[in-house]
Amino acid sequence: QVQLVESGGGMVPGGGSLRLSCAASRIDFSSSAMGWYRQAPGKQRELVAVITSGGSTSYTESVKGRFTISRDSTKNTVSLQMNSLKPEDTAVYLCNARSARWNYWGQGTQVIVSS
């Protein structure tokens, strides 16, 4: 079965950095758009960043200039480099893989940014 396994979450002070990774298995990774979503307590899940199969990227406005998404098709991984973290970035971050034919989610990794 398809697996998306996130890692790299943790607790950091405001202004710090974290790098999240998502390892994908049993999936047509090269044909998948890979995304990072986040969900804070009491809030709706929101798209943070996405990278298409062709390498195009897009970001939600609040993270532009601070976060960078990348993918490594040799390792079937997608990463999210998060710099200048703010307390409002605190959330569970989830990896997503989708195409016209599938939509898969990881279990999520917790990110806590202290003020």
Protein backbone atom coordinates (compact mmCIF):
# COMPACT_ATOMS: atom_id res chain seq x y z
CA GLN A 1 0.00 0.00 0.00
CA VAL A 2 1.02 3.59 -0.54
CA GLN A 3 3.00 5.16 2.26
CA LEU A 4 3.87 8.78 2.90
CA VAL A 5 6.03 9.14 5.99
CA GLU A 6 6.84 12.58 7.33
CA SER A 7 9.75 13.45 9.57
CA GLY A 8 11.59 16.48 10.87
CA GLY A 9 9.00 18.15 13.03
CA GLY A 10 9.73 19.46 16.48
CA MET A 11 9.77 22.49 18.70
CA VAL A 12 11.80 25.57 17.82
CA PRO A 13 11.92 29.16 19.04
CA GLY A 14 10.55 31.92 16.85
CA GLY A 15 13.01 32.81 14.10
CA GLY A 16 14.35 29.27 13.97
CA SER A 17 14.40 26.75 11.15
CA LEU A 18 13.19 23.23 10.52
CA ARG A 19 13.37 20.92 7.54
CA LEU A 20 10.51 18.51 6.99
CA SER A 21 10.86 15.46 4.80
CA CYS A 22 8.32 13.08 3.34
CA ALA A 23 9.34 9.68 2.04
CA ALA A 24 6.96 8.14 -0.46
CA SER A 25 6.74 4.47 -1.29
CA ARG A 26 4.60 2.31 -3.57
CA ILE A 27 3.51 5.33 -5.55
CA ASP A 28 4.17 6.74 -9.01
CA PHE A 29 6.19 9.56 -7.49
CA SER A 30 7.31 11.11 -10.75
CA SER A 31 3.67 11.54 -11.83
CA SER A 32 2.52 13.02 -8.52
CA ALA A 33 2.18 16.61 -7.48
CA MET A 34 3.57 16.72 -3.96
CA GLY A 35 2.30 19.14 -1.37
CA TRP A 36 2.63 20.15 2.22
CA TYR A 37 -0.49 21.10 4.13
CA ARG A 38 -0.88 22.17 7.72
CA GLN A 39 -3.64 22.09 10.25
CA ALA A 40 -3.62 24.06 13.46
CA PRO A 41 -6.01 23.31 16.32
CA GLY A 42 -9.47 24.63 15.57
CA LYS A 43 -8.52 25.69 12.06
CA GLN A 44 -9.10 24.28 8.61
CA ARG A 45 -6.37 22.41 6.82
CA GLU A 46 -4.52 24.74 4.48
CA LEU A 47 -2.16 24.20 1.59
CA VAL A 48 1.31 25.49 2.45
CA ALA A 49 3.31 24.61 -0.65
CA VAL A 50 3.09 22.39 -3.69
CA ILE A 51 5.56 21.18 -6.28
CA THR A 52 4.31 19.67 -9.50
CA SER A 53 5.73 16.67 -11.28
CA GLY A 54 7.49 19.13 -13.55
CA GLY A 55 9.05 21.02 -10.66
CA SER A 56 6.88 24.14 -10.61
CA THR A 57 6.25 25.45 -7.11
CA SER A 58 3.67 27.59 -5.41
CA TYR A 59 3.21 28.78 -1.83
CA THR A 60 0.56 30.22 0.35
CA GLU A 61 1.15 33.94 0.80
CA SER A 62 2.06 33.75 4.48
CA VAL A 63 5.11 31.55 3.87
CA LYS A 64 6.50 33.08 0.70
CA GLY A 65 10.15 33.98 1.11
CA ARG A 66 10.46 31.81 4.22
CA PHE A 67 9.62 28.27 3.09
CA THR A 68 11.05 26.29 0.18
CA ILE A 69 9.63 23.06 -1.19
CA SER A 70 11.78 20.65 -3.17
CA ARG A 71 11.61 17.09 -4.46
CA ASP A 72 14.14 14.38 -5.14
CA SER A 73 12.85 11.87 -7.62
CA THR A 74 15.86 9.60 -7.12
CA LYS A 75 14.85 9.10 -3.49
CA ASN A 76 11.08 9.64 -3.80
CA THR A 77 11.18 12.37 -1.19
CA VAL A 78 9.75 15.84 -0.88
CA SER A 79 11.12 18.36 1.59
CA LEU A 80 10.01 21.63 3.10
CA GLN A 81 12.71 23.96 4.35
CA MET A 82 11.15 26.35 6.84
CA ASN A 83 13.10 29.43 7.91
CA SER A 84 12.21 32.44 10.04
CA LEU A 85 9.51 30.42 11.74
CA LYS A 86 6.74 32.24 13.55
CA PRO A 87 4.39 31.07 16.31
CA GLU A 88 1.55 31.15 13.79
CA ASP A 89 3.34 28.41 11.83
CA THR A 90 2.56 26.01 14.66
CA ALA A 91 0.53 23.13 13.25
CA VAL A 92 0.57 19.52 12.20
CA TYR A 93 2.20 19.38 8.77
CA LEU A 94 0.95 16.74 6.36
CA CYS A 95 2.45 15.44 3.16
CA ASN A 96 0.17 14.94 0.17
CA ALA A 97 0.62 13.16 -3.13
CA ARG A 98 -1.95 13.60 -5.83
CA SER A 99 -2.72 13.26 -9.48
CA ALA A 100 -5.90 13.07 -11.51
CA ARG A 101 -6.20 9.46 -10.32
CA TRP A 102 -5.06 9.46 -6.71
CA ASN A 103 -4.86 11.53 -3.57
CA TYR A 104 -2.80 10.22 -0.65
CA TRP A 105 -1.95 11.65 2.77
CA GLY A 106 0.69 11.06 5.35
CA GLN A 107 0.03 10.95 9.08
CA GLY A 108 1.59 14.32 9.77
CA THR A 109 4.41 15.74 11.86
CA GLN A 110 4.00 18.32 14.59
CA VAL A 111 5.71 21.69 14.38
CA ILE A 112 5.63 23.97 17.42
CA VAL A 113 7.13 27.44 17.28
CA SER A 114 7.50 29.16 20.62
CA SER A 115 7.26 32.91 21.01
